[in-house]
Each structure stands twice: as C-alpha cells, then as structure tokens.
Amino acid sequence: MRPGQQDGDWRALWADYGPKLLLFARQQTPELGAAEDVVQEAFVRYWKSRQKSPELTPTLLFTLVKRIAIDYARKSAARRWREAEAQAQNEGEAYFEDSFAERDRRELVEASLRALPASQREVLVLKLWGDLTFDEIGKALDISPNTAASRYRYALNQLRGLLAPAVS
C-alpha cells in the first residue's frame, strides 16, 4: 500500500493493484473478459477476507488471482469436454427439418419473442420451454403465481397478434 493510505480505502488499493492483477491474470486466461472476471473475483474475496483479518497483505491478491484462474481453466475445460461429448452424441441427428419455410418460421417466432416485454418473455420461456408451473415461476422470479399467469396470458395474446399475419 502507499504510505499514508488508509486500510478502508479500497479504491486506492484497486488503483494500485488493479492493472497489475489484470496483466497477471491475462497471462493465465484465454481472453481479456475472463481475466477481468478472475481479477474481480479475487479482489472481492480479498476484500471480504480483509474485513475479518486487516493484517492481510496485498500480495495475497496475486495468489488469489492464480487460484481463481486455475479454477476457471478447470471449469472451462470441463465445460468444453461436456459440450464436445453432447455434440458427438447428437451428431447426425436432425432435430428439425431445415427447409427454407421452417427457417423463415423459426426466425419469425424468434423475432416475435424478442418483441415481447422482457417480463412477459421470461415467464413464457419458463412456462413453455422450462416446463415450470406458475408457482415455480413465481418463486424463480420473485413474483406471485397470479402475476406469472397474467404475464403468460399477456405474452400469448401478444404473440398471437404478432404471428397472425404470418399464418394468414
């Protein structure tokens, strides 16, 4: 820390160590965004630990960055392996006939979904694709089941209006 820096001044700590930590993390992660996430997580963990033990040194930040970067790499490798396995199992299986008409219809449905208000869209997706009940949706979104049901009905009505010209 700089001479005269107060223990509680996290901004000064961030100003002193943020760029150094980012450079360090960048050497251990595949992209800048991952490095930024690693540094942020390390800084948050350090700051929480420092509240309990003020005698922690800032060099612990570098150790945290290293450990979090290792965890990130392990999780990323595991995720890539799972995705490759899933793709290998599904290779050759056609879920949808990819005709021009089907592609146009799918694009229209996706555009119509994006046109819905976010609150209605999330309820609709949870209900139709998540196969959740209105009680479960209410708990997931911290709204009442009646509100979830209303948003679902509003979403369906809007979709009908948006998709009606395409059906006729």
C-alpha atoms as a PDB file:
ATOM      1  CA  MET A   1       0.000   0.000   0.000  1.00  0.00           C
ATOM      2  CA  ARG A   2       1.026   3.569  -0.458  1.00  0.00           C
ATOM      3  CA  PRO A   3       2.367   5.405   2.587  1.00  0.00           C
ATOM      4  CA  GLY A   4      -0.476   7.119   4.389  1.00  0.00           C
ATOM      5  CA  GLN A   5      -3.152   5.019   2.665  1.00  0.00           C
ATOM      6  CA  GLN A   6      -5.999   4.140   4.961  1.00  0.00           C
ATOM      7  CA  ASP A   7      -6.937   0.488   5.444  1.00  0.00           C
ATOM      8  CA  GLY A   8     -10.516   1.075   4.358  1.00  0.00           C
ATOM      9  CA  ASP A   9      -9.660   2.781   1.089  1.00  0.00           C
ATOM     10  CA  TRP A  10     -10.459   0.043  -1.415  1.00  0.00           C
ATOM     11  CA  ARG A  11     -10.387   2.451  -4.349  1.00  0.00           C
ATOM     12  CA  ALA A  12      -6.755   3.270  -3.694  1.00  0.00           C
ATOM     13  CA  LEU A  13      -5.991  -0.421  -3.344  1.00  0.00           C
ATOM     14  CA  TRP A  14      -7.768  -1.070  -6.650  1.00  0.00           C
ATOM     15  CA  ALA A  15      -5.882   1.790  -8.326  1.00  0.00           C
ATOM     16  CA  ASP A  16      -2.560   0.409  -7.096  1.00  0.00           C
ATOM     17  CA  TYR A  17      -3.133  -3.246  -7.904  1.00  0.00           C
ATOM     18  CA  GLY A  18      -5.927  -3.481 -10.498  1.00  0.00           C
ATOM     19  CA  PRO A  19      -3.776  -3.063 -13.637  1.00  0.00           C
ATOM     20  CA  LYS A  20      -1.035  -5.315 -12.248  1.00  0.00           C
ATOM     21  CA  LEU A  21      -3.519  -8.021 -11.346  1.00  0.00           C
ATOM     22  CA  LEU A  22      -5.180  -7.790 -14.747  1.00  0.00           C
ATOM     23  CA  LEU A  23      -1.837  -8.203 -16.502  1.00  0.00           C
ATOM     24  CA  PHE A  24      -1.060 -11.186 -14.273  1.00  0.00           C
ATOM     25  CA  ALA A  25      -4.475 -12.763 -14.889  1.00  0.00           C
ATOM     26  CA  ARG A  26      -4.245 -12.110 -18.620  1.00  0.00           C
ATOM     27  CA  GLN A  27      -1.219 -14.395 -18.775  1.00  0.00           C
ATOM     28  CA  GLN A  28      -3.271 -17.255 -17.370  1.00  0.00           C
ATOM     29  CA  THR A  29      -6.620 -16.876 -19.141  1.00  0.00           C
ATOM     30  CA  PRO A  30      -7.606 -17.242 -22.789  1.00  0.00           C
ATOM     31  CA  GLU A  31      -9.263 -13.846 -23.179  1.00  0.00           C
ATOM     32  CA  LEU A  32      -9.463 -10.422 -21.602  1.00  0.00           C
ATOM     33  CA  GLY A  33     -13.033 -10.891 -20.341  1.00  0.00           C
ATOM     34  CA  ALA A  34     -12.034 -13.999 -18.405  1.00  0.00           C
ATOM     35  CA  ALA A  35      -9.053 -12.171 -16.921  1.00  0.00           C
ATOM     36  CA  GLU A  36     -11.289  -9.313 -15.801  1.00  0.00           C
ATOM     37  CA  ASP A  37     -13.701 -11.774 -14.173  1.00  0.00           C
ATOM     38  CA  VAL A  38     -10.832 -13.508 -12.369  1.00  0.00           C
ATOM     39  CA  VAL A  39      -9.430 -10.218 -11.064  1.00  0.00           C
ATOM     40  CA  GLN A  40     -12.821  -9.029  -9.903  1.00  0.00           C
ATOM     41  CA  GLU A  41     -13.475 -12.284  -8.054  1.00  0.00           C
ATOM     42  CA  ALA A  42     -10.020 -12.173  -6.444  1.00  0.00           C
ATOM     43  CA  PHE A  43     -10.478  -8.593  -5.329  1.00  0.00           C
ATOM     44  CA  VAL A  44     -13.908  -9.327  -3.824  1.00  0.00           C
ATOM     45  CA  ARG A  45     -12.593 -12.372  -1.949  1.00  0.00           C
ATOM     46  CA  TYR A  46      -9.578 -10.422  -0.723  1.00  0.00           C
ATOM     47  CA  TRP A  47     -11.690  -7.516   0.424  1.00  0.00           C
ATOM     48  CA  LYS A  48     -14.086  -9.786   2.330  1.00  0.00           C
ATOM     49  CA  SER A  49     -11.160 -11.603   3.975  1.00  0.00           C
ATOM     50  CA  ARG A  50      -9.527  -8.311   4.808  1.00  0.00           C
ATOM     51  CA  GLN A  51     -12.602  -7.204   6.718  1.00  0.00           C
ATOM     52  CA  LYS A  52     -12.032 -10.169   9.048  1.00  0.00           C
ATOM     53  CA  SER A  53      -8.214 -10.020   9.091  1.00  0.00           C
ATOM     54  CA  PRO A  54      -6.938  -6.478   8.368  1.00  0.00           C
ATOM     55  CA  GLU A  55      -3.308  -7.639   8.523  1.00  0.00           C
ATOM     56  CA  LEU A  56      -3.581  -9.415   5.150  1.00  0.00           C
ATOM     57  CA  THR A  57      -1.045  -8.163   2.637  1.00  0.00           C
ATOM     58  CA  PRO A  58      -1.974  -7.106  -0.897  1.00  0.00           C
ATOM     59  CA  THR A  59       0.368  -9.778  -2.284  1.00  0.00           C
ATOM     60  CA  LEU A  60      -2.351 -12.250  -1.342  1.00  0.00           C
ATOM     61  CA  LEU A  61      -4.268 -10.768  -4.275  1.00  0.00           C
ATOM     62  CA  PHE A  62      -1.818 -12.344  -6.710  1.00  0.00           C
ATOM     63  CA  THR A  63      -2.206 -15.728  -5.038  1.00  0.00           C
ATOM     64  CA  LEU A  64      -5.971 -15.421  -5.264  1.00  0.00           C
ATOM     65  CA  VAL A  65      -5.768 -14.482  -8.947  1.00  0.00           C
ATOM     66  CA  LYS A  66      -3.630 -17.548  -9.630  1.00  0.00           C
ATOM     67  CA  ARG A  67      -6.001 -19.898  -7.776  1.00  0.00           C
ATOM     68  CA  ILE A  68      -9.131 -18.446  -9.355  1.00  0.00           C
ATOM     69  CA  ALA A  69      -7.540 -18.614 -12.824  1.00  0.00           C
ATOM     70  CA  ILE A  70      -6.745 -22.300 -12.252  1.00  0.00           C
ATOM     71  CA  ASP A  71     -10.353 -22.932 -11.182  1.00  0.00           C
ATOM     72  CA  TYR A  72     -11.581 -21.030 -14.238  1.00  0.00           C
ATOM     73  CA  ALA A  73      -9.405 -23.140 -16.544  1.00  0.00           C
ATOM     74  CA  ARG A  74     -10.660 -26.375 -14.962  1.00  0.00           C
ATOM     75  CA  LYS A  75     -14.297 -25.342 -15.266  1.00  0.00           C
ATOM     76  CA  SER A  76     -13.785 -24.193 -18.853  1.00  0.00           C
ATOM     77  CA  ALA A  77     -12.062 -27.450 -19.811  1.00  0.00           C
ATOM     78  CA  ALA A  78     -14.822 -29.484 -18.198  1.00  0.00           C
ATOM     79  CA  ARG A  79     -17.489 -27.435 -19.965  1.00  0.00           C
ATOM     80  CA  ARG A  80     -15.763 -27.827 -23.350  1.00  0.00           C
ATOM     81  CA  TRP A  81     -15.472 -31.580 -22.788  1.00  0.00           C
ATOM     82  CA  ARG A  82     -19.196 -31.871 -21.894  1.00  0.00           C
ATOM     83  CA  GLU A  83     -20.166 -29.828 -24.940  1.00  0.00           C
ATOM     84  CA  ALA A  84     -17.973 -31.951 -27.219  1.00  0.00           C
ATOM     85  CA  GLU A  85     -19.472 -35.134 -25.771  1.00  0.00           C
ATOM     86  CA  ALA A  86     -23.005 -33.843 -26.266  1.00  0.00           C
ATOM     87  CA  GLN A  87     -22.242 -32.798 -29.814  1.00  0.00           C
ATOM     88  CA  ALA A  88     -20.674 -36.189 -30.601  1.00  0.00           C
ATOM     89  CA  GLN A  89     -23.737 -37.998 -29.248  1.00  0.00           C
ATOM     90  CA  ASN A  90     -26.102 -35.836 -31.263  1.00  0.00           C
ATOM     91  CA  GLU A  91     -24.059 -35.821 -34.460  1.00  0.00           C
ATOM     92  CA  GLY A  92     -26.113 -36.900 -37.397  1.00  0.00           C
ATOM     93  CA  GLU A  93     -29.406 -36.357 -35.620  1.00  0.00           C
ATOM     94  CA  ALA A  94     -31.558 -33.752 -37.248  1.00  0.00           C
ATOM     95  CA  TYR A  95     -33.877 -32.188 -34.725  1.00  0.00           C
ATOM     96  CA  PHE A  96     -35.633 -30.008 -37.239  1.00  0.00           C
ATOM     97  CA  GLU A  97     -36.041 -30.154 -40.962  1.00  0.00           C
ATOM     98  CA  ASP A  98     -34.100 -27.096 -42.054  1.00  0.00           C
ATOM     99  CA  SER A  99     -36.181 -26.160 -45.029  1.00  0.00           C
ATOM    100  CA  PHE A 100     -36.492 -22.528 -46.069  1.00  0.00           C
ATOM    101  CA  ALA A 101     -40.075 -22.379 -44.815  1.00  0.00           C
ATOM    102  CA  GLU A 102     -39.085 -23.794 -41.421  1.00  0.00           C
ATOM    103  CA  ARG A 103     -36.164 -21.398 -41.149  1.00  0.00           C
ATOM    104  CA  ASP A 104     -38.388 -18.431 -42.010  1.00  0.00           C
ATOM    105  CA  ARG A 105     -40.991 -19.546 -39.479  1.00  0.00           C
ATOM    106  CA  ARG A 106     -38.357 -20.008 -36.770  1.00  0.00           C
ATOM    107  CA  GLU A 107     -36.902 -16.547 -37.462  1.00  0.00           C
ATOM    108  CA  LEU A 108     -40.389 -15.033 -37.277  1.00  0.00           C
ATOM    109  CA  VAL A 109     -41.086 -16.738 -33.931  1.00  0.00           C
ATOM    110  CA  GLU A 110     -37.708 -15.626 -32.535  1.00  0.00           C
ATOM    111  CA  ALA A 111     -38.293 -12.041 -33.678  1.00  0.00           C
ATOM    112  CA  SER A 112     -41.777 -12.101 -32.162  1.00  0.00           C
ATOM    113  CA  LEU A 113     -40.379 -13.371 -28.855  1.00  0.00           C
ATOM    114  CA  ARG A 114     -37.798 -10.570 -28.835  1.00  0.00           C
ATOM    115  CA  ALA A 115     -40.615  -8.074 -29.405  1.00  0.00           C
ATOM    116  CA  LEU A 116     -42.309  -9.088 -26.138  1.00  0.00           C
ATOM    117  CA  PRO A 117     -41.546  -7.155 -22.956  1.00  0.00           C
ATOM    118  CA  ALA A 118     -38.780  -8.903 -21.006  1.00  0.00           C
ATOM    119  CA  SER A 119     -41.057  -9.670 -18.047  1.00  0.00           C
ATOM    120  CA  GLN A 120     -43.542 -11.484 -20.295  1.00  0.00           C
ATOM    121  CA  ARG A 121     -40.862 -13.201 -22.358  1.00  0.00           C
ATOM    122  CA  GLU A 122     -39.130 -14.705 -19.322  1.00  0.00           C
ATOM    123  CA  VAL A 123     -42.422 -16.108 -17.972  1.00  0.00           C
ATOM    124  CA  LEU A 124     -43.317 -17.524 -21.383  1.00  0.00           C
ATOM    125  CA  VAL A 125     -39.935 -19.184 -21.780  1.00  0.00           C
ATOM    126  CA  LEU A 126     -40.027 -20.647 -18.268  1.00  0.00           C
ATOM    127  CA  LYS A 127     -43.542 -21.978 -18.835  1.00  0.00           C
ATOM    128  CA  LEU A 128     -43.161 -23.385 -22.349  1.00  0.00           C
ATOM    129  CA  TRP A 129     -39.529 -24.423 -22.518  1.00  0.00           C
ATOM    130  CA  GLY A 130     -38.727 -24.699 -18.830  1.00  0.00           C
ATOM    131  CA  ASP A 131     -41.943 -26.654 -18.183  1.00  0.00           C
ATOM    132  CA  LEU A 132     -42.424 -24.863 -14.848  1.00  0.00           C
ATOM    133  CA  THR A 133     -45.707 -24.270 -13.051  1.00  0.00           C
ATOM    134  CA  PHE A 134     -46.858 -20.754 -12.261  1.00  0.00           C
ATOM    135  CA  ASP A 135     -45.955 -21.376  -8.605  1.00  0.00           C
ATOM    136  CA  GLU A 136     -42.411 -22.359  -9.622  1.00  0.00           C
ATOM    137  CA  ILE A 137     -42.138 -19.403 -11.989  1.00  0.00           C
ATOM    138  CA  GLY A 138     -43.325 -17.088  -9.223  1.00  0.00           C
ATOM    139  CA  LYS A 139     -40.656 -18.393  -6.867  1.00  0.00           C
ATOM    140  CA  ALA A 140     -37.937 -18.187  -9.528  1.00  0.00           C
ATOM    141  CA  LEU A 141     -38.794 -14.598 -10.471  1.00  0.00           C
ATOM    142  CA  ASP A 142     -39.904 -13.439  -7.017  1.00  0.00           C
ATOM    143  CA  ILE A 143     -43.440 -12.626  -8.194  1.00  0.00           C
ATOM    144  CA  SER A 144     -46.811 -14.057  -7.269  1.00  0.00           C
ATOM    145  CA  PRO A 145     -48.148 -17.057  -9.199  1.00  0.00           C
ATOM    146  CA  ASN A 146     -51.078 -14.891 -10.319  1.00  0.00           C
ATOM    147  CA  THR A 147     -48.691 -12.307 -11.759  1.00  0.00           C
ATOM    148  CA  ALA A 148     -46.820 -15.092 -13.558  1.00  0.00           C
ATOM    149  CA  ALA A 149     -50.097 -16.389 -15.021  1.00  0.00           C
ATOM    150  CA  SER A 150     -51.127 -12.894 -16.113  1.00  0.00           C
ATOM    151  CA  ARG A 151     -47.808 -12.227 -17.789  1.00  0.00           C
ATOM    152  CA  TYR A 152     -48.086 -15.586 -19.542  1.00  0.00           C
ATOM    153  CA  ARG A 153     -51.566 -14.741 -20.878  1.00  0.00           C
ATOM    154  CA  TYR A 154     -50.428 -11.281 -21.993  1.00  0.00           C
ATOM    155  CA  ALA A 155     -47.432 -12.821 -23.762  1.00  0.00           C
ATOM    156  CA  LEU A 156     -49.591 -15.372 -25.567  1.00  0.00           C
ATOM    157  CA  ASN A 157     -52.036 -12.682 -26.671  1.00  0.00           C
ATOM    158  CA  GLN A 158     -49.222 -10.507 -27.983  1.00  0.00           C
ATOM    159  CA  LEU A 159     -47.660 -13.434 -29.800  1.00  0.00           C
ATOM    160  CA  ARG A 160     -50.975 -14.252 -31.433  1.00  0.00           C
ATOM    161  CA  GLY A 161     -51.172 -10.695 -32.701  1.00  0.00           C
ATOM    162  CA  LEU A 162     -47.597 -10.706 -33.924  1.00  0.00           C
ATOM    163  CA  LEU A 163     -47.834 -14.101 -35.617  1.00  0.00           C
ATOM    164  CA  ALA A 164     -51.382 -13.808 -37.045  1.00  0.00           C
ATOM    165  CA  PRO A 165     -50.306 -12.048 -40.262  1.00  0.00           C
ATOM    166  CA  ALA A 166     -47.820 -14.835 -41.000  1.00  0.00           C
ATOM    167  CA  VAL A 167     -50.439 -17.577 -40.593  1.00  0.00           C
ATOM    168  CA  SER A 168     -52.970 -15.939 -42.915  1.00  0.00           C
END
